[in-house]
Amino acid sequence: MRTLHLNLPNDLKQNDDELKMLIAAKLYEDGTLSSGQAAELAEVSKRTFIEQLGNYGVSVFSDSVDDLRSDIDNA
């Protein structure tokens, strides 16, 4: 696992946990991370991660027709 250190402005509204979730949600949204990987990055359970995605404007459902077909086939 890699470590990233950021210098953020002191007046940033989000706390560290919110920032981790925001980054994880964006990486999940663009397909870089799976939901499990993103949950691990955010340091929350997979269930909690999925439940909180809507708070960050991210859908748990893929927009891709191919992904939808794959999900249906795997169900």
N, C-alpha and C. Protein backbone atom coordinates (compact mmCIF):
# COMPACT_ATOMS: atom_id res chain seq x y z
N MET A 1 0.85 -1.17 0.00
CA MET A 1 0.00 0.00 0.00
C MET A 1 0.89 1.24 0.00
N ARG A 2 0.48 2.24 -0.76
CA ARG A 2 1.22 3.50 -0.83
C ARG A 2 0.68 4.48 0.19
N THR A 3 1.51 5.42 0.58
CA THR A 3 1.11 6.47 1.50
C THR A 3 1.24 7.81 0.80
N LEU A 4 0.25 8.65 1.00
CA LEU A 4 0.24 9.99 0.41
C LEU A 4 0.11 11.00 1.53
N HIS A 5 0.96 12.00 1.53
CA HIS A 5 0.90 13.07 2.52
C HIS A 5 0.49 14.34 1.80
N LEU A 6 -0.54 15.00 2.32
CA LEU A 6 -1.04 16.23 1.72
C LEU A 6 -0.94 17.37 2.72
N ASN A 7 -0.59 18.53 2.23
CA ASN A 7 -0.64 19.75 3.04
C ASN A 7 -1.90 20.49 2.64
N LEU A 8 -2.86 20.52 3.53
CA LEU A 8 -4.15 21.13 3.25
C LEU A 8 -4.32 22.43 4.04
N PRO A 9 -5.08 23.36 3.50
CA PRO A 9 -5.32 24.60 4.23
C PRO A 9 -6.04 24.32 5.55
N ASN A 10 -5.71 25.08 6.57
CA ASN A 10 -6.32 24.89 7.88
C ASN A 10 -7.82 25.20 7.89
N ASP A 11 -8.26 26.04 6.97
CA ASP A 11 -9.67 26.43 6.96
C ASP A 11 -10.54 25.51 6.11
N LEU A 12 -10.00 24.37 5.70
CA LEU A 12 -10.77 23.39 4.94
C LEU A 12 -11.89 22.85 5.81
N LYS A 13 -13.11 22.81 5.27
CA LYS A 13 -14.28 22.42 6.06
C LYS A 13 -14.29 20.94 6.42
N GLN A 14 -13.84 20.08 5.52
CA GLN A 14 -13.90 18.64 5.73
C GLN A 14 -12.82 18.19 6.71
N ASN A 15 -13.19 17.21 7.56
CA ASN A 15 -12.19 16.61 8.43
C ASN A 15 -11.49 15.48 7.66
N ASP A 16 -10.50 14.85 8.27
CA ASP A 16 -9.72 13.82 7.60
C ASP A 16 -10.58 12.65 7.13
N ASP A 17 -11.54 12.22 7.95
CA ASP A 17 -12.40 11.09 7.56
C ASP A 17 -13.25 11.45 6.34
N GLU A 18 -13.76 12.66 6.31
CA GLU A 18 -14.57 13.10 5.17
C GLU A 18 -13.72 13.18 3.90
N LEU A 19 -12.49 13.64 4.04
CA LEU A 19 -11.60 13.72 2.88
C LEU A 19 -11.25 12.34 2.34
N LYS A 20 -11.01 11.40 3.25
CA LYS A 20 -10.72 10.02 2.80
C LYS A 20 -11.92 9.45 2.05
N MET A 21 -13.11 9.69 2.57
CA MET A 21 -14.32 9.20 1.91
C MET A 21 -14.51 9.88 0.56
N LEU A 22 -14.26 11.17 0.48
CA LEU A 22 -14.40 11.91 -0.77
C LEU A 22 -13.46 11.37 -1.84
N ILE A 23 -12.22 11.15 -1.47
CA ILE A 23 -11.24 10.61 -2.43
C ILE A 23 -11.62 9.19 -2.84
N ALA A 24 -12.00 8.37 -1.87
CA ALA A 24 -12.38 6.99 -2.17
C ALA A 24 -13.60 6.94 -3.07
N ALA A 25 -14.59 7.80 -2.81
CA ALA A 25 -15.81 7.84 -3.62
C ALA A 25 -15.49 8.23 -5.06
N LYS A 26 -14.62 9.19 -5.24
CA LYS A 26 -14.25 9.63 -6.59
C LYS A 26 -13.50 8.53 -7.33
N LEU A 27 -12.58 7.86 -6.65
CA LEU A 27 -11.84 6.77 -7.29
C LEU A 27 -12.76 5.59 -7.62
N TYR A 28 -13.76 5.37 -6.78
CA TYR A 28 -14.76 4.34 -7.07
C TYR A 28 -15.60 4.75 -8.28
N GLU A 29 -16.03 6.02 -8.28
CA GLU A 29 -16.89 6.52 -9.36
C GLU A 29 -16.22 6.40 -10.72
N ASP A 30 -14.93 6.68 -10.80
CA ASP A 30 -14.27 6.62 -12.10
C ASP A 30 -13.73 5.23 -12.44
N GLY A 31 -14.02 4.25 -11.57
CA GLY A 31 -13.67 2.86 -11.87
C GLY A 31 -12.25 2.48 -11.51
N THR A 32 -11.53 3.35 -10.84
CA THR A 32 -10.15 3.05 -10.45
C THR A 32 -10.11 2.03 -9.33
N LEU A 33 -11.06 2.12 -8.39
CA LEU A 33 -11.12 1.19 -7.26
C LEU A 33 -12.46 0.47 -7.23
N SER A 34 -12.45 -0.76 -6.75
CA SER A 34 -13.69 -1.48 -6.49
C SER A 34 -14.30 -0.91 -5.21
N SER A 35 -15.53 -1.28 -4.92
CA SER A 35 -16.16 -0.79 -3.70
C SER A 35 -15.40 -1.26 -2.46
N GLY A 36 -14.90 -2.48 -2.50
CA GLY A 36 -14.12 -2.99 -1.36
C GLY A 36 -12.82 -2.24 -1.17
N GLN A 37 -12.12 -1.97 -2.28
CA GLN A 37 -10.87 -1.22 -2.19
C GLN A 37 -11.12 0.20 -1.70
N ALA A 38 -12.18 0.82 -2.21
CA ALA A 38 -12.52 2.18 -1.81
C ALA A 38 -12.90 2.24 -0.33
N ALA A 39 -13.64 1.24 0.12
CA ALA A 39 -14.01 1.18 1.53
C ALA A 39 -12.76 1.06 2.40
N GLU A 40 -11.82 0.25 1.96
CA GLU A 40 -10.56 0.10 2.70
C GLU A 40 -9.80 1.42 2.75
N LEU A 41 -9.76 2.14 1.62
CA LEU A 41 -9.10 3.44 1.58
C LEU A 41 -9.77 4.43 2.53
N ALA A 42 -11.09 4.41 2.58
CA ALA A 42 -11.84 5.31 3.44
C ALA A 42 -11.86 4.85 4.90
N GLU A 43 -11.33 3.65 5.13
CA GLU A 43 -11.29 3.05 6.46
C GLU A 43 -12.67 2.90 7.08
N VAL A 44 -13.60 2.40 6.24
CA VAL A 44 -14.95 2.07 6.69
C VAL A 44 -15.30 0.70 6.13
N SER A 45 -16.38 0.13 6.64
CA SER A 45 -16.83 -1.16 6.10
C SER A 45 -17.37 -0.93 4.68
N LYS A 46 -17.42 -2.01 3.92
CA LYS A 46 -17.96 -1.91 2.56
C LYS A 46 -19.41 -1.43 2.60
N ARG A 47 -20.16 -1.93 3.55
CA ARG A 47 -21.57 -1.52 3.68
C ARG A 47 -21.68 -0.02 3.96
N THR A 48 -20.88 0.47 4.90
CA THR A 48 -20.90 1.90 5.22
C THR A 48 -20.49 2.73 4.01
N PHE A 49 -19.47 2.27 3.30
CA PHE A 49 -19.03 2.99 2.10
C PHE A 49 -20.16 3.12 1.09
N ILE A 50 -20.82 2.01 0.80
CA ILE A 50 -21.92 2.02 -0.17
C ILE A 50 -23.06 2.90 0.31
N GLU A 51 -23.37 2.83 1.60
CA GLU A 51 -24.45 3.65 2.15
C GLU A 51 -24.15 5.15 2.06
N GLN A 52 -22.87 5.52 2.14
CA GLN A 52 -22.49 6.93 2.13
C GLN A 52 -22.23 7.51 0.74
N LEU A 53 -22.17 6.68 -0.28
CA LEU A 53 -21.85 7.17 -1.62
C LEU A 53 -22.77 8.30 -2.07
N GLY A 54 -24.06 8.19 -1.78
CA GLY A 54 -25.01 9.21 -2.19
C GLY A 54 -24.71 10.58 -1.60
N ASN A 55 -24.11 10.60 -0.42
CA ASN A 55 -23.73 11.87 0.21
C ASN A 55 -22.65 12.60 -0.58
N TYR A 56 -21.97 11.88 -1.46
CA TYR A 56 -20.89 12.45 -2.26
C TYR A 56 -21.27 12.52 -3.74
N GLY A 57 -22.57 12.34 -4.02
CA GLY A 57 -23.05 12.44 -5.39
C GLY A 57 -22.64 11.30 -6.30
N VAL A 58 -22.35 10.15 -5.70
CA VAL A 58 -21.89 8.99 -6.46
C VAL A 58 -22.93 7.89 -6.35
N SER A 59 -23.28 7.31 -7.49
CA SER A 59 -24.24 6.20 -7.51
C SER A 59 -23.51 4.88 -7.35
N VAL A 60 -24.10 3.97 -6.64
CA VAL A 60 -23.54 2.63 -6.50
C VAL A 60 -23.76 1.83 -7.78
N PHE A 61 -24.69 2.30 -8.62
CA PHE A 61 -25.01 1.61 -9.86
C PHE A 61 -24.19 2.17 -11.00
N SER A 62 -23.67 1.29 -11.81
CA SER A 62 -22.85 1.69 -12.95
C SER A 62 -23.72 2.25 -14.07
N ASP A 63 -23.19 3.20 -14.81
CA ASP A 63 -23.88 3.74 -15.97
C ASP A 63 -23.62 2.91 -17.22
N SER A 64 -22.68 2.00 -17.15
CA SER A 64 -22.28 1.20 -18.29
C SER A 64 -23.25 0.05 -18.53
N VAL A 65 -23.71 -0.08 -19.75
CA VAL A 65 -24.61 -1.18 -20.12
C VAL A 65 -23.88 -2.51 -19.97
N ASP A 66 -22.60 -2.55 -20.35
CA ASP A 66 -21.82 -3.78 -20.22
C ASP A 66 -21.69 -4.20 -18.76
N ASP A 67 -21.46 -3.21 -17.87
CA ASP A 67 -21.38 -3.53 -16.44
C ASP A 67 -22.71 -4.05 -15.92
N LEU A 68 -23.81 -3.46 -16.38
CA LEU A 68 -25.13 -3.90 -15.96
C LEU A 68 -25.38 -5.34 -16.41
N ARG A 69 -25.06 -5.64 -17.64
CA ARG A 69 -25.21 -7.01 -18.15
C ARG A 69 -24.36 -7.99 -17.36
N SER A 70 -23.15 -7.60 -17.05
CA SER A 70 -22.26 -8.44 -16.26
C SER A 70 -22.85 -8.68 -14.87
N ASP A 71 -23.38 -7.63 -14.26
CA ASP A 71 -24.00 -7.77 -12.93
C ASP A 71 -25.19 -8.71 -12.99
N ILE A 72 -26.00 -8.61 -14.04
CA ILE A 72 -27.17 -9.49 -14.19
C ILE A 72 -26.73 -10.94 -14.38
N ASP A 73 -25.71 -11.14 -15.20
CA ASP A 73 -25.19 -12.49 -15.42
C ASP A 73 -24.61 -13.10 -14.15
N ASN A 74 -24.02 -12.27 -13.30
CA ASN A 74 -23.39 -12.77 -12.07
C ASN A 74 -24.37 -12.89 -10.92
N ALA A 75 -25.59 -12.39 -11.09
CA ALA A 75 -26.57 -12.42 -9.99
C ALA A 75 -27.13 -13.80 -9.78
